[in-house]
């Protein structure tokens, strides 16, 4: 079985409050983008445990810490399934706020469950996905969703961006979740993100923010430079994705190339 795992971008990201469990309550709209993808190949290997081979971008963690292996282990614990042999071809960059690892975990859950005929519903898969990470449930559906709580509370979003061009530019550095949250000052805006997204697109740049930008732009000047250049080239909205470091711009027309877009990796697609 050969599966594609696509990344996401965040259209707005409000960090509302710190929770007693150490996480933060957020409000964000996640959008799947098909500008790049990882490829996960899965085969049943009943007597071999979980074998993982990787290629493409180098993965800087041990195999047993990879979320696709954790996905298999979770299904083995819950349903007593046999082993698998997996190959992960990695193209979604790390430390970019694009959710590549979470996307891989979601397709691993779905693929392994299908191979072993578990007959799991999307709701059951979402429940399992939440045990692997806050973003993983979104990738079970991989359609526009408001993600709330710590990211696991999903609501379908009626936001039509069909035909919009998206440029994603990831500079030559990544940003850890710890660095991103270190400078965060939670607050609750007057209007919810859903209400602000109903406003004309011409107001989005002023009204819809990613709260991580406040501190990360001061630490990494390449980020606001990319944002401003995307705006100069006609983006009606440009933002950091997730906790960074990837920036993206949304365009009503095919974007004009600018050298500043050419970070370590740059991708272009239509939504």
Foldseek 3Di string as FASTA:
>chain_A
DKDKFFWKFWQFKAFAAQDPVRFTWIKTKIATDDQDTKMKDKDFDQAPAEAEAEEADDDPDDPCPQLLSVLVVLCCVVPVGGYMYMYIYDDDDPLALGCRSLSSNLVSNVVVCVNRVVPDDLVRSLVSSVVSDLQNNCNVVNHIWIATDSRSDTDHAPQDQFQKKKKKAAAPDHDDPCRLVVPADHHDDPDHPNVVSVDDLLCSQVPGAHRSCVPVCVVPVLQVVLQVVLVVQAFSHKYRGHSRDMIMGIHNDDTDDDPSSHHVDMTMDGD
